[in-house]
Amino acid sequence: MPQARAGAARKTRIQARNEELILDAALEVFSAFGYRGATVDQIAAKAAMSKPNLLYYFRRKEDIYVALLEHTLADWLEPLSDIDAAGDPLDQLSRYIAAKLRLSRERPEASRLFANEILHGAPMIGKFLKGPLKDLVDAKAAIIGAWIEAGRLAPVDPLHLIFAIWATTQHYADFDVQVRAVLGGAKGHMQDAEKSLLTLFMNGLRPR
């Protein structure tokens, strides 16, 4: 029995590693060719595994695509989930902005993939957006609203504040080519972006 348990554990680790390889490869392929243009053969080749082996983990291209979007949303929603009503409002929101910029810097392809899904009407994740995502955003908007009512933040619509944070932070991933072109290829622009956005938001949110 111990040997059987060890074998099962090894299989789980191998499965997790292979699924990660497939999703990393799929991110590159979907980002380059879009959902319609991407093929399972391309993803398998990028992951350096056979197509039958890939299909052992994901039966269809759609399954890979949805899993990739779910992973992206999980990464993005974790910092939003971490906003704590008991914390200092400006500190909590500055941490969230910094985390969102870090994700844009480290995984810009994931942001662009998600943006493309949204631009096409969110056919794969529409239910998630209207359900779990809306529930979480509403909960965090309520926290922000309570801070405003207590005079700890300047008056602002909490939902539109969250939208503004999304728009400004994800801009650096979704429009990376434009940003670099305008900046002339200057290095360290993400550090400058963080300083500028924190100044913009914190000055605007600090109670008068």
Protein backbone atom coordinates (compact mmCIF):
# COMPACT_ATOMS: atom_id res chain seq x y z
CA MET A 1 0.00 0.00 0.00
CA PRO A 2 2.75 2.57 0.76
CA GLN A 3 4.18 1.90 -2.69
CA ALA A 4 0.78 2.44 -4.28
CA ARG A 5 0.36 5.75 -2.45
CA ALA A 6 3.83 6.85 -3.51
CA GLY A 7 3.02 5.96 -7.12
CA ALA A 8 -0.21 7.94 -6.96
CA ALA A 9 1.68 10.92 -5.54
CA ARG A 10 4.25 10.71 -8.32
CA LYS A 11 1.47 10.60 -10.90
CA THR A 12 -0.14 13.67 -9.38
CA ARG A 13 3.12 15.61 -9.52
CA ILE A 14 3.73 14.52 -13.11
CA GLN A 15 0.20 15.46 -14.11
CA ALA A 16 0.52 18.86 -12.49
CA ARG A 17 3.85 19.49 -14.20
CA ASN A 18 2.57 18.39 -17.61
CA GLU A 19 -0.60 20.44 -17.30
CA GLU A 20 1.53 23.47 -16.46
CA LEU A 21 3.71 22.80 -19.51
CA ILE A 22 0.64 22.53 -21.72
CA LEU A 23 -0.91 25.74 -20.39
CA ASP A 24 2.37 27.68 -20.73
CA ALA A 25 2.66 26.47 -24.32
CA ALA A 26 -1.00 27.23 -25.00
CA LEU A 27 -0.57 30.78 -23.73
CA GLU A 28 2.12 31.40 -26.33
CA VAL A 29 0.11 29.81 -29.12
CA PHE A 30 -3.24 31.45 -28.30
CA SER A 31 -1.53 34.83 -27.85
CA ALA A 32 0.11 34.51 -31.25
CA PHE A 33 -2.77 33.03 -33.28
CA GLY A 34 -5.93 33.65 -31.27
CA TYR A 35 -8.43 30.97 -30.33
CA ARG A 36 -9.62 30.35 -33.88
CA GLY A 37 -6.14 30.23 -35.40
CA ALA A 38 -4.52 28.06 -32.73
CA THR A 39 -4.44 24.27 -33.09
CA VAL A 40 -3.86 21.41 -30.69
CA ASP A 41 -0.93 20.32 -32.87
CA GLN A 42 0.75 23.71 -32.39
CA ILE A 43 0.25 23.56 -28.63
CA ALA A 44 1.60 20.00 -28.44
CA ALA A 45 4.67 20.97 -30.47
CA LYS A 46 5.31 24.01 -28.27
CA ALA A 47 4.96 21.83 -25.16
CA ALA A 48 7.35 19.26 -26.67
CA MET A 49 4.90 16.39 -26.26
CA SER A 50 2.88 14.22 -28.58
CA LYS A 51 -0.67 15.17 -29.48
CA PRO A 52 -2.11 11.95 -27.93
CA ASN A 53 -0.25 12.72 -24.72
CA LEU A 54 -1.66 16.25 -24.63
CA LEU A 55 -5.18 14.95 -25.28
CA TYR A 56 -4.80 12.72 -22.21
CA TYR A 57 -4.88 15.91 -20.12
CA PHE A 58 -7.23 18.06 -22.20
CA ARG A 59 -9.77 16.49 -24.58
CA ARG A 60 -10.31 19.56 -26.77
CA LYS A 61 -8.76 22.87 -27.68
CA GLU A 62 -11.66 24.56 -25.90
CA ASP A 63 -10.78 22.76 -22.65
CA ILE A 64 -7.21 24.08 -22.83
CA TYR A 65 -8.43 27.60 -23.55
CA VAL A 66 -10.94 27.63 -20.69
CA ALA A 67 -8.37 26.21 -18.25
CA LEU A 68 -5.93 28.92 -19.28
CA LEU A 69 -8.52 31.65 -18.73
CA GLU A 70 -9.44 30.15 -15.35
CA HIS A 71 -5.78 30.16 -14.29
CA THR A 72 -5.46 33.79 -15.40
CA LEU A 73 -8.57 34.83 -13.47
CA ALA A 74 -7.39 32.96 -10.36
CA ASP A 75 -4.08 34.86 -10.46
CA TRP A 76 -5.83 38.20 -10.98
CA LEU A 77 -8.52 37.74 -8.35
CA GLU A 78 -6.19 36.66 -5.57
CA PRO A 79 -4.91 40.23 -4.91
CA LEU A 80 -8.48 41.55 -5.02
CA SER A 81 -9.54 38.87 -2.54
CA ASP A 82 -6.72 39.97 -0.24
CA ILE A 83 -8.20 43.46 0.28
CA ASP A 84 -8.92 43.48 4.01
CA ALA A 85 -11.63 45.63 5.56
CA ALA A 86 -9.60 45.82 8.77
CA GLY A 87 -6.55 47.25 7.02
CA ASP A 88 -5.61 50.82 6.18
CA PRO A 89 -7.56 51.79 3.04
CA LEU A 90 -4.73 53.53 1.18
CA ASP A 91 -2.31 50.74 2.05
CA GLN A 92 -4.75 48.04 0.94
CA LEU A 93 -5.46 49.74 -2.38
CA SER A 94 -1.80 50.57 -3.07
CA ARG A 95 -0.92 46.90 -2.51
CA TYR A 96 -3.65 45.90 -4.95
CA ILE A 97 -2.44 48.34 -7.62
CA ALA A 98 1.15 47.14 -7.23
CA ALA A 99 0.05 43.50 -7.49
CA LYS A 100 -1.95 44.18 -10.65
CA LEU A 101 1.03 45.91 -12.25
CA ARG A 102 3.28 43.01 -11.29
CA LEU A 103 0.93 40.59 -13.06
CA SER A 104 0.92 42.83 -16.15
CA ARG A 105 4.71 42.85 -16.12
CA GLU A 106 5.20 39.13 -15.52
CA ARG A 107 2.38 37.70 -17.66
CA PRO A 108 1.38 40.24 -20.32
CA GLU A 109 0.31 37.49 -22.73
CA ALA A 110 -2.29 36.27 -20.22
CA SER A 111 -3.74 39.76 -19.94
CA ARG A 112 -3.96 40.11 -23.73
CA LEU A 113 -5.59 36.69 -24.03
CA PHE A 114 -8.22 37.70 -21.48
CA ALA A 115 -8.80 41.04 -23.20
CA ASN A 116 -9.35 39.25 -26.50
CA GLU A 117 -11.91 36.96 -24.87
CA ILE A 118 -13.77 39.98 -23.50
CA LEU A 119 -13.68 41.79 -26.87
CA HIS A 120 -15.36 38.75 -28.41
CA GLY A 121 -18.19 38.85 -25.88
CA ALA A 122 -16.71 36.44 -23.30
CA PRO A 123 -18.28 33.31 -24.86
CA MET A 124 -16.27 30.94 -22.67
CA ILE A 125 -16.38 32.75 -19.31
CA GLY A 126 -19.54 34.85 -19.44
CA LYS A 127 -21.18 32.88 -16.63
CA PHE A 128 -18.13 33.30 -14.42
CA LEU A 129 -18.10 37.06 -15.00
CA LYS A 130 -21.77 37.36 -14.04
CA GLY A 131 -21.40 35.02 -11.06
CA PRO A 132 -18.22 34.59 -8.98
CA LEU A 133 -16.45 37.65 -10.40
CA LYS A 134 -19.41 39.95 -9.81
CA ASP A 135 -19.88 38.57 -6.29
CA LEU A 136 -16.24 39.23 -5.38
CA VAL A 137 -16.19 42.71 -6.91
CA ASP A 138 -19.44 43.61 -5.15
CA ALA A 139 -17.98 42.44 -1.82
CA LYS A 140 -14.81 44.49 -2.22
CA ALA A 141 -16.78 47.50 -3.48
CA ALA A 142 -18.81 47.28 -0.27
CA ILE A 143 -15.59 47.45 1.76
CA ILE A 144 -14.44 50.51 -0.19
CA GLY A 145 -17.87 52.06 0.26
CA ALA A 146 -17.66 51.52 4.02
CA TRP A 147 -14.25 53.22 4.11
CA ILE A 148 -15.72 56.18 2.24
CA GLU A 149 -18.71 56.38 4.61
CA ALA A 150 -16.28 56.41 7.54
CA GLY A 151 -14.35 59.31 5.98
CA ARG A 152 -11.24 57.18 5.42
CA LEU A 153 -11.28 57.71 1.63
CA ALA A 154 -12.39 60.55 -0.60
CA PRO A 155 -15.86 60.08 -2.10
CA VAL A 156 -15.73 57.99 -5.28
CA ASP A 157 -17.88 55.28 -6.82
CA PRO A 158 -16.25 52.05 -5.58
CA LEU A 159 -17.06 50.02 -8.70
CA HIS A 160 -15.68 52.65 -11.04
CA LEU A 161 -12.57 52.90 -8.87
CA ILE A 162 -11.99 49.17 -9.37
CA PHE A 163 -12.60 49.54 -13.11
CA ALA A 164 -10.06 52.39 -13.23
CA ILE A 165 -7.45 50.27 -11.47
CA TRP A 166 -8.05 47.45 -13.94
CA ALA A 167 -7.87 49.77 -16.93
CA THR A 168 -4.67 51.56 -15.93
CA THR A 169 -2.72 48.54 -14.72
CA GLN A 170 -3.68 46.18 -17.56
CA HIS A 171 -2.92 48.89 -20.13
CA TYR A 172 0.77 48.13 -19.67
CA ALA A 173 0.18 44.53 -20.77
CA ASP A 174 -2.52 44.93 -23.40
CA PHE A 175 -0.87 47.93 -25.09
CA ASP A 176 2.76 47.04 -24.38
CA VAL A 177 3.88 47.71 -27.97
CA GLN A 178 2.31 51.18 -27.93
CA VAL A 179 3.74 51.99 -24.50
CA ARG A 180 7.27 50.99 -25.55
CA ALA A 181 6.98 52.90 -28.83
CA VAL A 182 5.93 56.11 -27.11
CA LEU A 183 8.59 55.75 -24.41
CA GLY A 184 11.27 55.08 -27.02
CA GLY A 185 12.30 51.78 -25.51
CA ALA A 186 13.21 53.30 -22.14
CA LYS A 187 14.07 50.73 -19.49
CA GLY A 188 12.46 50.59 -16.08
CA HIS A 189 9.15 51.95 -17.30
CA MET A 190 7.12 49.60 -15.10
CA GLN A 191 8.74 51.02 -11.97
CA ASP A 192 7.91 54.51 -13.22
CA ALA A 193 4.37 53.36 -14.00
CA GLU A 194 3.90 52.07 -10.46
CA LYS A 195 5.12 55.31 -8.90
CA SER A 196 2.92 57.39 -11.19
CA LEU A 197 -0.24 55.31 -10.70
CA LEU A 198 0.21 55.16 -6.93
CA THR A 199 0.65 58.93 -6.82
CA LEU A 200 -2.41 59.43 -9.02
CA PHE A 201 -4.69 57.08 -7.08
CA MET A 202 -3.44 57.83 -3.57
CA ASN A 203 -3.66 61.61 -4.04
CA GLY A 204 -7.14 61.23 -5.46
CA LEU A 205 -8.32 58.88 -2.72
CA ARG A 206 -6.76 60.54 0.29
CA PRO A 207 -9.53 62.11 2.38
CA ARG A 208 -9.62 65.91 2.27
